[in-house]
Amino acid sequence: MKSISVIGIDLAKNIFQIHASDRDGNCLLNKAIRRHNLKSFFRNLEPCLIGMEACGSAHYWARELRSLGHDVRLMPPQYVKPYVKTNKSDVADAEAICEAVVRPNMRFVDI
C-alpha cells in the first residue's frame, strides 16, 4: 500500500474532514473525524505534510500536530479557494487544501 504523504484538513467545530494523498496526488483516504479522535488518528501516522486553512483553531491544531512530528502549514482561505473543484462542501474543501499545500508558490501563515 502507498503511504500518505500529504493531508488536507477542513477544520470545523466538532467533525473535521480529512483528505490524504500519496506523492503522486492520488487520494488514499477521505473521511470525517471527530474532534476528540483527531490526535490519536495522527499519532498513529508516519510524519507527513499537513495543510489547513488559517482560522481561530488552526494554530492550536498546528501546534498539537507538530508536537507529533508532522510538518504543518497554514494557508489563508482566499488562497485555497481557487483549488475547490466543485460546490463548497467539507469534502471538497479538504481536497482543495490538500492540493493547495503542495503548490510551489503557495503563501503560508506563521504558526
PDB file of N, CA and C in Angstrom:
ATOM      1  N   MET A   1       0.830  -1.188   0.000  1.00  0.00           N
ATOM      2  CA  MET A   1       0.000   0.000   0.000  1.00  0.00           C
ATOM      3  C   MET A   1       0.871   1.247   0.000  1.00  0.00           C
ATOM      4  N   LYS A   2       0.447   2.257  -0.731  1.00  0.00           N
ATOM      5  CA  LYS A   2       1.196   3.508  -0.765  1.00  0.00           C
ATOM      6  C   LYS A   2       1.027   4.243   0.557  1.00  0.00           C
ATOM      7  N   SER A   3       2.043   4.999   0.921  1.00  0.00           N
ATOM      8  CA  SER A   3       1.972   5.716   2.185  1.00  0.00           C
ATOM      9  C   SER A   3       1.467   7.139   1.972  1.00  0.00           C
ATOM     10  N   ILE A   4       0.823   7.658   2.988  1.00  0.00           N
ATOM     11  CA  ILE A   4       0.272   9.015   2.961  1.00  0.00           C
ATOM     12  C   ILE A   4       1.422  10.003   3.054  1.00  0.00           C
ATOM     13  N   SER A   5       1.446  10.978   2.142  1.00  0.00           N
ATOM     14  CA  SER A   5       2.492  11.994   2.211  1.00  0.00           C
ATOM     15  C   SER A   5       1.924  13.391   2.448  1.00  0.00           C
ATOM     16  N   VAL A   6       0.653  13.627   2.077  1.00  0.00           N
ATOM     17  CA  VAL A   6       0.031  14.946   2.239  1.00  0.00           C
ATOM     18  C   VAL A   6      -1.390  14.771   2.754  1.00  0.00           C
ATOM     19  N   ILE A   7      -1.769  15.619   3.703  1.00  0.00           N
ATOM     20  CA  ILE A   7      -3.127  15.601   4.237  1.00  0.00           C
ATOM     21  C   ILE A   7      -3.666  17.023   4.274  1.00  0.00           C
ATOM     22  N   GLY A   8      -4.899  17.175   3.825  1.00  0.00           N
ATOM     23  CA  GLY A   8      -5.624  18.430   3.959  1.00  0.00           C
ATOM     24  C   GLY A   8      -6.720  18.235   4.990  1.00  0.00           C
ATOM     25  N   ILE A   9      -6.819  19.169   5.931  1.00  0.00           N
ATOM     26  CA  ILE A   9      -7.846  19.091   6.973  1.00  0.00           C
ATOM     27  C   ILE A   9      -8.760  20.295   6.863  1.00  0.00           C
ATOM     28  N   ASP A  10     -10.060  20.032   6.725  1.00  0.00           N
ATOM     29  CA  ASP A  10     -11.050  21.099   6.797  1.00  0.00           C
ATOM     30  C   ASP A  10     -11.541  21.127   8.240  1.00  0.00           C
ATOM     31  N   LEU A  11     -11.151  22.170   8.957  1.00  0.00           N
ATOM     32  CA  LEU A  11     -11.500  22.285  10.367  1.00  0.00           C
ATOM     33  C   LEU A  11     -12.944  22.730  10.539  1.00  0.00           C
ATOM     34  N   ALA A  12     -13.570  22.250  11.590  1.00  0.00           N
ATOM     35  CA  ALA A  12     -14.935  22.624  11.929  1.00  0.00           C
ATOM     36  C   ALA A  12     -15.068  22.594  13.442  1.00  0.00           C
ATOM     37  N   LYS A  13     -16.289  22.728  13.919  1.00  0.00           N
ATOM     38  CA  LYS A  13     -16.483  22.759  15.361  1.00  0.00           C
ATOM     39  C   LYS A  13     -16.325  21.384  15.995  1.00  0.00           C
ATOM     40  N   ASN A  14     -16.972  20.377  15.441  1.00  0.00           N
ATOM     41  CA  ASN A  14     -16.944  19.044  16.050  1.00  0.00           C
ATOM     42  C   ASN A  14     -16.387  17.949  15.152  1.00  0.00           C
ATOM     43  N   ILE A  15     -16.643  18.045  13.852  1.00  0.00           N
ATOM     44  CA  ILE A  15     -16.217  16.985  12.927  1.00  0.00           C
ATOM     45  C   ILE A  15     -15.315  17.595  11.865  1.00  0.00           C
ATOM     46  N   PHE A  16     -14.098  17.052  11.742  1.00  0.00           N
ATOM     47  CA  PHE A  16     -13.128  17.527  10.763  1.00  0.00           C
ATOM     48  C   PHE A  16     -13.119  16.579   9.575  1.00  0.00           C
ATOM     49  N   GLN A  17     -12.938  17.126   8.385  1.00  0.00           N
ATOM     50  CA  GLN A  17     -12.843  16.310   7.177  1.00  0.00           C
ATOM     51  C   GLN A  17     -11.374  16.182   6.807  1.00  0.00           C
ATOM     52  N   ILE A  18     -10.937  14.956   6.552  1.00  0.00           N
ATOM     53  CA  ILE A  18      -9.547  14.649   6.205  1.00  0.00           C
ATOM     54  C   ILE A  18      -9.486  14.165   4.765  1.00  0.00           C
ATOM     55  N   HIS A  19      -8.547  14.704   3.991  1.00  0.00           N
ATOM     56  CA  HIS A  19      -8.266  14.199   2.644  1.00  0.00           C
ATOM     57  C   HIS A  19      -6.774  13.903   2.596  1.00  0.00           C
ATOM     58  N   ALA A  20      -6.406  12.651   2.352  1.00  0.00           N
ATOM     59  CA  ALA A  20      -5.000  12.240   2.333  1.00  0.00           C
ATOM     60  C   ALA A  20      -4.630  11.730   0.960  1.00  0.00           C
ATOM     61  N   SER A  21      -3.413  12.065   0.525  1.00  0.00           N
ATOM     62  CA  SER A  21      -2.947  11.597  -0.782  1.00  0.00           C
ATOM     63  C   SER A  21      -1.496  11.145  -0.695  1.00  0.00           C
ATOM     64  N   ASP A  22      -1.088  10.425  -1.736  1.00  0.00           N
ATOM     65  CA  ASP A  22       0.302   9.984  -1.817  1.00  0.00           C
ATOM     66  C   ASP A  22       1.112  11.043  -2.553  1.00  0.00           C
ATOM     67  N   ARG A  23       2.370  10.744  -2.831  1.00  0.00           N
ATOM     68  CA  ARG A  23       3.252  11.700  -3.516  1.00  0.00           C
ATOM     69  C   ARG A  23       2.763  12.100  -4.897  1.00  0.00           C
ATOM     70  N   ASP A  24       2.039  11.191  -5.553  1.00  0.00           N
ATOM     71  CA  ASP A  24       1.554  11.462  -6.905  1.00  0.00           C
ATOM     72  C   ASP A  24       0.215  12.181  -6.916  1.00  0.00           C
ATOM     73  N   GLY A  25      -0.350  12.467  -5.758  1.00  0.00           N
ATOM     74  CA  GLY A  25      -1.628  13.162  -5.683  1.00  0.00           C
ATOM     75  C   GLY A  25      -2.846  12.252  -5.721  1.00  0.00           C
ATOM     76  N   ASN A  26      -2.622  10.943  -5.647  1.00  0.00           N
ATOM     77  CA  ASN A  26      -3.742  10.003  -5.644  1.00  0.00           C
ATOM     78  C   ASN A  26      -4.386   9.974  -4.262  1.00  0.00           C
ATOM     79  N   CYS A  27      -5.708  10.025  -4.231  1.00  0.00           N
ATOM     80  CA  CYS A  27      -6.440  10.004  -2.964  1.00  0.00           C
ATOM     81  C   CYS A  27      -6.311   8.640  -2.305  1.00  0.00           C
ATOM     82  N   LEU A  28      -5.853   8.631  -1.058  1.00  0.00           N
ATOM     83  CA  LEU A  28      -5.720   7.397  -0.289  1.00  0.00           C
ATOM     84  C   LEU A  28      -6.771   7.291   0.804  1.00  0.00           C
ATOM     85  N   LEU A  29      -7.278   8.446   1.260  1.00  0.00           N
ATOM     86  CA  LEU A  29      -8.214   8.453   2.371  1.00  0.00           C
ATOM     87  C   LEU A  29      -9.038   9.723   2.317  1.00  0.00           C
ATOM     88  N   ASN A  30     -10.321   9.582   2.563  1.00  0.00           N
ATOM     89  CA  ASN A  30     -11.220  10.723   2.624  1.00  0.00           C
ATOM     90  C   ASN A  30     -12.260  10.389   3.678  1.00  0.00           C
ATOM     91  N   LYS A  31     -12.125  10.971   4.871  1.00  0.00           N
ATOM     92  CA  LYS A  31     -13.034  10.592   5.940  1.00  0.00           C
ATOM     93  C   LYS A  31     -13.252  11.734   6.919  1.00  0.00           C
ATOM     94  N   ALA A  32     -14.342  11.632   7.647  1.00  0.00           N
ATOM     95  CA  ALA A  32     -14.654  12.586   8.705  1.00  0.00           C
ATOM     96  C   ALA A  32     -14.144  12.029  10.030  1.00  0.00           C
ATOM     97  N   ILE A  33     -13.567  12.909  10.839  1.00  0.00           N
ATOM     98  CA  ILE A  33     -13.030  12.505  12.138  1.00  0.00           C
ATOM     99  C   ILE A  33     -13.551  13.468  13.196  1.00  0.00           C
ATOM    100  N   ARG A  34     -14.008  12.926  14.290  1.00  0.00           N
ATOM    101  CA  ARG A  34     -14.485  13.752  15.407  1.00  0.00           C
ATOM    102  C   ARG A  34     -13.299  14.414  16.108  1.00  0.00           C
ATOM    103  N   ARG A  35     -13.564  15.576  16.661  1.00  0.00           N
ATOM    104  CA  ARG A  35     -12.535  16.380  17.328  1.00  0.00           C
ATOM    105  C   ARG A  35     -11.729  15.564  18.345  1.00  0.00           C
ATOM    106  N   HIS A  36     -12.393  14.785  19.180  1.00  0.00           N
ATOM    107  CA  HIS A  36     -11.684  14.057  20.237  1.00  0.00           C
ATOM    108  C   HIS A  36     -10.863  12.876  19.702  1.00  0.00           C
ATOM    109  N   ASN A  37     -11.025  12.516  18.427  1.00  0.00           N
ATOM    110  CA  ASN A  37     -10.244  11.420  17.839  1.00  0.00           C
ATOM    111  C   ASN A  37      -9.086  11.903  16.961  1.00  0.00           C
ATOM    112  N   LEU A  38      -8.977  13.206  16.758  1.00  0.00           N
ATOM    113  CA  LEU A  38      -8.002  13.729  15.793  1.00  0.00           C
ATOM    114  C   LEU A  38      -6.553  13.438  16.205  1.00  0.00           C
ATOM    115  N   LYS A  39      -6.204  13.712  17.441  1.00  0.00           N
ATOM    116  CA  LYS A  39      -4.813  13.477  17.867  1.00  0.00           C
ATOM    117  C   LYS A  39      -4.433  12.006  17.788  1.00  0.00           C
ATOM    118  N   SER A  40      -5.321  11.125  18.200  1.00  0.00           N
ATOM    119  CA  SER A  40      -4.990   9.695  18.149  1.00  0.00           C
ATOM    120  C   SER A  40      -4.861   9.218  16.704  1.00  0.00           C
ATOM    121  N   PHE A  41      -5.649   9.785  15.785  1.00  0.00           N
ATOM    122  CA  PHE A  41      -5.525   9.436  14.370  1.00  0.00           C
ATOM    123  C   PHE A  41      -4.135   9.803  13.860  1.00  0.00           C
ATOM    124  N   PHE A  42      -3.676  11.020  14.144  1.00  0.00           N
ATOM    125  CA  PHE A  42      -2.380  11.481  13.650  1.00  0.00           C
ATOM    126  C   PHE A  42      -1.215  10.880  14.426  1.00  0.00           C
ATOM    127  N   ARG A  43      -1.434  10.478  15.645  1.00  0.00           N
ATOM    128  CA  ARG A  43      -0.385   9.833  16.435  1.00  0.00           C
ATOM    129  C   ARG A  43       0.032   8.513  15.789  1.00  0.00           C
ATOM    130  N   ASN A  44      -0.904   7.856  15.113  1.00  0.00           N
ATOM    131  CA  ASN A  44      -0.647   6.552  14.502  1.00  0.00           C
ATOM    132  C   ASN A  44      -0.146   6.638  13.060  1.00  0.00           C
ATOM    133  N   LEU A  45       0.065   7.845  12.549  1.00  0.00           N
ATOM    134  CA  LEU A  45       0.559   8.026  11.176  1.00  0.00           C
ATOM    135  C   LEU A  45       2.044   8.359  11.169  1.00  0.00           C
ATOM    136  N   GLU A  46       2.693   7.951  10.084  1.00  0.00           N
ATOM    137  CA  GLU A  46       4.069   8.400   9.859  1.00  0.00           C
ATOM    138  C   GLU A  46       4.029   9.914   9.623  1.00  0.00           C
ATOM    139  N   PRO A  47       5.086  10.641  10.000  1.00  0.00           N
ATOM    140  CA  PRO A  47       5.095  12.081   9.773  1.00  0.00           C
ATOM    141  C   PRO A  47       4.847  12.421   8.303  1.00  0.00           C
ATOM    142  N   CYS A  48       4.002  13.425   8.083  1.00  0.00           N
ATOM    143  CA  CYS A  48       3.664  13.846   6.730  1.00  0.00           C
ATOM    144  C   CYS A  48       3.391  15.349   6.721  1.00  0.00           C
ATOM    145  N   LEU A  49       3.138  15.887   5.535  1.00  0.00           N
ATOM    146  CA  LEU A  49       2.801  17.293   5.359  1.00  0.00           C
ATOM    147  C   LEU A  49       1.304  17.452   5.571  1.00  0.00           C
ATOM    148  N   ILE A  50       0.922  18.389   6.434  1.00  0.00           N
ATOM    149  CA  ILE A  50      -0.491  18.644   6.729  1.00  0.00           C
ATOM    150  C   ILE A  50      -0.800  20.100   6.424  1.00  0.00           C
ATOM    151  N   GLY A  51      -1.852  20.324   5.673  1.00  0.00           N
ATOM    152  CA  GLY A  51      -2.297  21.672   5.352  1.00  0.00           C
ATOM    153  C   GLY A  51      -3.639  21.973   5.975  1.00  0.00           C
ATOM    154  N   MET A  52      -3.791  23.223   6.433  1.00  0.00           N
ATOM    155  CA  MET A  52      -5.059  23.697   6.986  1.00  0.00           C
ATOM    156  C   MET A  52      -5.236  25.158   6.604  1.00  0.00           C
ATOM    157  N   GLU A  53      -6.498  25.580   6.511  1.00  0.00           N
ATOM    158  CA  GLU A  53      -6.763  26.998   6.334  1.00  0.00           C
ATOM    159  C   GLU A  53      -6.547  27.686   7.667  1.00  0.00           C
ATOM    160  N   ALA A  54      -5.928  28.861   7.625  1.00  0.00           N
ATOM    161  CA  ALA A  54      -5.680  29.623   8.843  1.00  0.00           C
ATOM    162  C   ALA A  54      -7.007  30.148   9.389  1.00  0.00           C
ATOM    163  N   CYS A  55      -7.311  29.779  10.614  1.00  0.00           N
ATOM    164  CA  CYS A  55      -8.515  30.255  11.296  1.00  0.00           C
ATOM    165  C   CYS A  55      -8.242  30.201  12.788  1.00  0.00           C
ATOM    166  N   GLY A  56      -9.241  30.488  13.592  1.00  0.00           N
ATOM    167  CA  GLY A  56      -9.050  30.558  15.037  1.00  0.00           C
ATOM    168  C   GLY A  56      -8.443  29.320  15.659  1.00  0.00           C
ATOM    169  N   SER A  57      -8.947  28.148  15.320  1.00  0.00           N
ATOM    170  CA  SER A  57      -8.449  26.922  15.951  1.00  0.00           C
ATOM    171  C   SER A  57      -7.272  26.290  15.202  1.00  0.00           C
ATOM    172  N   ALA A  58      -6.966  26.783  14.020  1.00  0.00           N
ATOM    173  CA  ALA A  58      -5.898  26.183  13.215  1.00  0.00           C
ATOM    174  C   ALA A  58      -4.540  26.258  13.901  1.00  0.00           C
ATOM    175  N   HIS A  59      -4.270  27.355  14.597  1.00  0.00           N
ATOM    176  CA  HIS A  59      -2.980  27.497  15.262  1.00  0.00           C
ATOM    177  C   HIS A  59      -2.821  26.490  16.393  1.00  0.00           C
ATOM    178  N   TYR A  60      -3.910  26.265  17.129  1.00  0.00           N
ATOM    179  CA  TYR A  60      -3.869  25.254  18.188  1.00  0.00           C
ATOM    180  C   TYR A  60      -3.575  23.879  17.596  1.00  0.00           C
ATOM    181  N   TRP A  61      -4.342  23.497  16.562  1.00  0.00           N
ATOM    182  CA  TRP A  61      -4.157  22.171  15.960  1.00  0.00           C
ATOM    183  C   TRP A  61      -2.785  22.050  15.295  1.00  0.00           C
ATOM    184  N   ALA A  62      -2.286  23.126  14.725  1.00  0.00           N
ATOM    185  CA  ALA A  62      -0.955  23.089  14.107  1.00  0.00           C
ATOM    186  C   ALA A  62       0.112  22.773  15.156  1.00  0.00           C
ATOM    187  N   ARG A  63       0.021  23.401  16.315  1.00  0.00           N
ATOM    188  CA  ARG A  63       0.990  23.130  17.388  1.00  0.00           C
ATOM    189  C   ARG A  63       0.865  21.687  17.883  1.00  0.00           C
ATOM    190  N   GLU A  64      -0.364  21.213  18.037  1.00  0.00           N
ATOM    191  CA  GLU A  64      -0.579  19.841  18.503  1.00  0.00           C
ATOM    192  C   GLU A  64      -0.004  18.824  17.505  1.00  0.00           C
ATOM    193  N   LEU A  65      -0.274  19.024  16.215  1.00  0.00           N
ATOM    194  CA  LEU A  65       0.186  18.074  15.203  1.00  0.00           C
ATOM    195  C   LEU A  65       1.693  18.170  14.990  1.00  0.00           C
ATOM    196  N   ARG A  66       2.260  19.351  15.138  1.00  0.00           N
ATOM    197  CA  ARG A  66       3.720  19.480  15.066  1.00  0.00           C
ATOM    198  C   ARG A  66       4.391  18.723  16.204  1.00  0.00           C
ATOM    199  N   SER A  67       3.760  18.722  17.372  1.00  0.00           N
ATOM    200  CA  SER A  67       4.343  18.007  18.505  1.00  0.00           C
ATOM    201  C   SER A  67       4.377  16.500  18.257  1.00  0.00           C
ATOM    202  N   LEU A  68       3.587  16.023  17.302  1.00  0.00           N
ATOM    203  CA  LEU A  68       3.598  14.600  16.932  1.00  0.00           C
ATOM    204  C   LEU A  68       4.586  14.320  15.796  1.00  0.00           C
ATOM    205  N   GLY A  69       5.296  15.349  15.318  1.00  0.00           N
ATOM    206  CA  GLY A  69       6.322  15.165  14.298  1.00  0.00           C
ATOM    207  C   GLY A  69       5.898  15.496  12.879  1.00  0.00           C
ATOM    208  N   HIS A  70       4.689  16.005  12.692  1.00  0.00           N
ATOM    209  CA  HIS A  70       4.207  16.332  11.347  1.00  0.00           C
ATOM    210  C   HIS A  70       4.666  17.726  10.929  1.00  0.00           C
ATOM    211  N   ASP A  71       4.765  17.941   9.623  1.00  0.00           N
ATOM    212  CA  ASP A  71       5.075  19.255   9.049  1.00  0.00           C
ATOM    213  C   ASP A  71       3.738  19.921   8.739  1.00  0.00           C
ATOM    214  N   VAL A  72       3.372  20.932   9.517  1.00  0.00           N
ATOM    215  CA  VAL A  72       2.062  21.569   9.388  1.00  0.00           C
ATOM    216  C   VAL A  72       2.226  22.960   8.796  1.00  0.00           C
ATOM    217  N   ARG A  73       1.362  23.274   7.815  1.00  0.00           N
ATOM    218  CA  ARG A  73       1.390  24.588   7.168  1.00  0.00           C
ATOM    219  C   ARG A  73      -0.020  25.150   7.101  1.00  0.00           C
ATOM    220  N   LEU A  74      -0.133  26.428   7.445  1.00  0.00           N
ATOM    221  CA  LEU A  74      -1.413  27.123   7.406  1.00  0.00           C
ATOM    222  C   LEU A  74      -1.438  28.078   6.221  1.00  0.00           C
ATOM    223  N   MET A  75      -2.590  28.127   5.548  1.00  0.00           N
ATOM    224  CA  MET A  75      -2.744  28.980   4.370  1.00  0.00           C
ATOM    225  C   MET A  75      -3.939  29.908   4.548  1.00  0.00           C
ATOM    226  N   PRO A  76      -3.861  31.120   4.036  1.00  0.00           N
ATOM    227  CA  PRO A  76      -5.036  31.991   4.064  1.00  0.00           C
ATOM    228  C   PRO A  76      -6.160  31.365   3.220  1.00  0.00           C
ATOM    229  N   PRO A  77      -7.397  31.396   3.716  1.00  0.00           N
ATOM    230  CA  PRO A  77      -8.510  30.765   2.984  1.00  0.00           C
ATOM    231  C   PRO A  77      -8.687  31.270   1.557  1.00  0.00           C
ATOM    232  N   GLN A  78      -8.419  32.538   1.311  1.00  0.00           N
ATOM    233  CA  GLN A  78      -8.603  33.069  -0.049  1.00  0.00           C
ATOM    234  C   GLN A  78      -7.615  32.467  -1.046  1.00  0.00           C
ATOM    235  N   TYR A  79      -6.486  31.925  -0.563  1.00  0.00           N
ATOM    236  CA  TYR A  79      -5.530  31.280  -1.460  1.00  0.00           C
ATOM    237  C   TYR A  79      -5.894  29.825  -1.744  1.00  0.00           C
ATOM    238  N   VAL A  80      -6.733  29.248  -0.904  1.00  0.00           N
ATOM    239  CA  VAL A  80      -7.171  27.863  -1.100  1.00  0.00           C
ATOM    240  C   VAL A  80      -8.381  27.803  -2.023  1.00  0.00           C
ATOM    241  N   LYS A  81      -9.216  28.817  -1.988  1.00  0.00           N
ATOM    242  CA  LYS A  81     -10.487  28.830  -2.722  1.00  0.00           C
ATOM    243  C   LYS A  81     -10.364  28.457  -4.204  1.00  0.00           C
ATOM    244  N   PRO A  82      -9.349  28.914  -4.939  1.00  0.00           N
ATOM    245  CA  PRO A  82      -9.247  28.545  -6.360  1.00  0.00           C
ATOM    246  C   PRO A  82      -9.066  27.049  -6.621  1.00  0.00           C
ATOM    247  N   TYR A  83      -8.698  26.284  -5.603  1.00  0.00           N
ATOM    248  CA  TYR A  83      -8.462  24.852  -5.788  1.00  0.00           C
ATOM    249  C   TYR A  83      -9.697  23.997  -5.529  1.00  0.00           C
ATOM    250  N   VAL A  84     -10.800  24.613  -5.104  1.00  0.00           N
ATOM    251  CA  VAL A  84     -12.052  23.879  -4.894  1.00  0.00           C
ATOM    252  C   VAL A  84     -12.626  23.557  -6.270  1.00  0.00           C
ATOM    253  N   LYS A  85     -12.827  22.265  -6.544  1.00  0.00           N
ATOM    254  CA  LYS A  85     -13.220  21.821  -7.884  1.00  0.00           C
ATOM    255  C   LYS A  85     -14.721  21.784  -8.112  1.00  0.00           C
ATOM    256  N   THR A  86     -15.511  21.810  -7.050  1.00  0.00           N
ATOM    257  CA  THR A  86     -16.955  21.678  -7.186  1.00  0.00           C
ATOM    258  C   THR A  86     -17.620  22.591  -6.166  1.00  0.00           C
ATOM    259  N   ASN A  87     -18.878  22.380  -5.910  1.00  0.00           N
ATOM    260  CA  ASN A  87     -19.581  23.199  -4.919  1.00  0.00           C
ATOM    261  C   ASN A  87     -18.925  23.060  -3.560  1.00  0.00           C
ATOM    262  N   LYS A  88     -19.026  24.119  -2.777  1.00  0.00           N
ATOM    263  CA  LYS A  88     -18.388  24.137  -1.462  1.00  0.00           C
ATOM    264  C   LYS A  88     -19.004  23.084  -0.547  1.00  0.00           C
ATOM    265  N   SER A  89     -18.155  22.242   0.005  1.00  0.00           N
ATOM    266  CA  SER A  89     -18.539  21.245   0.999  1.00  0.00           C
ATOM    267  C   SER A  89     -17.288  20.905   1.788  1.00  0.00           C
ATOM    268  N   ASP A  90     -17.457  20.234   2.903  1.00  0.00           N
ATOM    269  CA  ASP A  90     -16.293  19.859   3.712  1.00  0.00           C
ATOM    270  C   ASP A  90     -15.354  18.939   2.944  1.00  0.00           C
ATOM    271  N   VAL A  91     -15.913  18.001   2.189  1.00  0.00           N
ATOM    272  CA  VAL A  91     -15.098  17.061   1.409  1.00  0.00           C
ATOM    273  C   VAL A  91     -14.311  17.802   0.337  1.00  0.00           C
ATOM    274  N   ALA A  92     -14.988  18.703  -0.389  1.00  0.00           N
ATOM    275  CA  ALA A  92     -14.317  19.467  -1.446  1.00  0.00           C
ATOM    276  C   ALA A  92     -13.263  20.395  -0.875  1.00  0.00           C
ATOM    277  N   ASP A  93     -13.553  21.001   0.274  1.00  0.00           N
ATOM    278  CA  ASP A  93     -12.582  21.903   0.898  1.00  0.00           C
ATOM    279  C   ASP A  93     -11.335  21.154   1.358  1.00  0.00           C
ATOM    280  N   ALA A  94     -11.503  19.985   1.957  1.00  0.00           N
ATOM    281  CA  ALA A  94     -10.347  19.202   2.407  1.00  0.00           C
ATOM    282  C   ALA A  94      -9.474  18.797   1.224  1.00  0.00           C
ATOM    283  N   GLU A  95     -10.101  18.418   0.118  1.00  0.00           N
ATOM    284  CA  GLU A  95      -9.341  18.059  -1.084  1.00  0.00           C
ATOM    285  C   GLU A  95      -8.591  19.267  -1.628  1.00  0.00           C
ATOM    286  N   ALA A  96      -9.238  20.423  -1.649  1.00  0.00           N
ATOM    287  CA  ALA A  96      -8.591  21.646  -2.143  1.00  0.00           C
ATOM    288  C   ALA A  96      -7.407  22.036  -1.264  1.00  0.00           C
ATOM    289  N   ILE A  97      -7.550  21.905   0.043  1.00  0.00           N
ATOM    290  CA  ILE A  97      -6.462  22.215   0.971  1.00  0.00           C
ATOM    291  C   ILE A  97      -5.283  21.276   0.731  1.00  0.00           C
ATOM    292  N   CYS A  98      -5.583  20.006   0.514  1.00  0.00           N
ATOM    293  CA  CYS A  98      -4.544  19.009   0.253  1.00  0.00           C
ATOM    294  C   CYS A  98      -3.774  19.347  -1.024  1.00  0.00           C
ATOM    295  N   GLU A  99      -4.483  19.818  -2.029  1.00  0.00           N
ATOM    296  CA  GLU A  99      -3.829  20.183  -3.290  1.00  0.00           C
ATOM    297  C   GLU A  99      -3.066  21.495  -3.166  1.00  0.00           C
ATOM    298  N   ALA A 100      -3.640  22.465  -2.479  1.00  0.00           N
ATOM    299  CA  ALA A 100      -3.019  23.787  -2.376  1.00  0.00           C
ATOM    300  C   ALA A 100      -1.723  23.774  -1.579  1.00  0.00           C
ATOM    301  N   VAL A 101      -1.635  22.948  -0.541  1.00  0.00           N
ATOM    302  CA  VAL A 101      -0.471  22.971   0.348  1.00  0.00           C
ATOM    303  C   VAL A 101       0.814  22.537  -0.358  1.00  0.00           C
ATOM    304  N   VAL A 102       0.713  21.791  -1.449  1.00  0.00           N
ATOM    305  CA  VAL A 102       1.919  21.342  -2.153  1.00  0.00           C
ATOM    306  C   VAL A 102       2.312  22.247  -3.318  1.00  0.00           C
ATOM    307  N   ARG A 103       1.537  23.292  -3.564  1.00  0.00           N
ATOM    308  CA  ARG A 103       1.872  24.210  -4.652  1.00  0.00           C
ATOM    309  C   ARG A 103       3.150  24.967  -4.329  1.00  0.00           C
ATOM    310  N   PRO A 104       4.067  25.085  -5.302  1.00  0.00           N
ATOM    311  CA  PRO A 104       5.374  25.700  -5.020  1.00  0.00           C
ATOM    312  C   PRO A 104       5.307  27.190  -4.671  1.00  0.00           C
ATOM    313  N   ASN A 105       4.304  27.906  -5.147  1.00  0.00           N
ATOM    314  CA  ASN A 105       4.259  29.337  -4.855  1.00  0.00           C
ATOM    315  C   ASN A 105       3.149  29.705  -3.866  1.00  0.00           C
ATOM    316  N   MET A 106       2.716  28.739  -3.070  1.00  0.00           N
ATOM    317  CA  MET A 106       1.693  28.993  -2.052  1.00  0.00           C
ATOM    318  C   MET A 106       2.292  29.832  -0.932  1.00  0.00           C
ATOM    319  N   ARG A 107       1.499  30.726  -0.411  1.00  0.00           N
ATOM    320  CA  ARG A 107       1.930  31.559   0.726  1.00  0.00           C
ATOM    321  C   ARG A 107       1.354  30.963   2.011  1.00  0.00           C
ATOM    322  N   PHE A 108       2.163  30.969   3.043  1.00  0.00           N
ATOM    323  CA  PHE A 108       1.761  30.365   4.302  1.00  0.00           C
ATOM    324  C   PHE A 108       1.737  31.395   5.430  1.00  0.00           C
ATOM    325  N   VAL A 109       0.982  31.075   6.458  1.00  0.00           N
ATOM    326  CA  VAL A 109       0.843  31.907   7.638  1.00  0.00           C
ATOM    327  C   VAL A 109       1.728  31.318   8.736  1.00  0.00           C
ATOM    328  N   ASP A 110       2.422  32.159   9.491  1.00  0.00           N
ATOM    329  CA  ASP A 110       3.234  31.673  10.604  1.00  0.00           C
ATOM    330  C   ASP A 110       2.343  31.102  11.688  1.00  0.00           C
ATOM    331  N   ILE A 111       2.813  30.026  12.297  1.00  0.00           N
ATOM    332  CA  ILE A 111       2.071  29.392  13.384  1.00  0.00           C
ATOM    333  C   ILE A 111       2.501  30.003  14.698  1.00  0.00           C
TER     334      ILE A 111
END
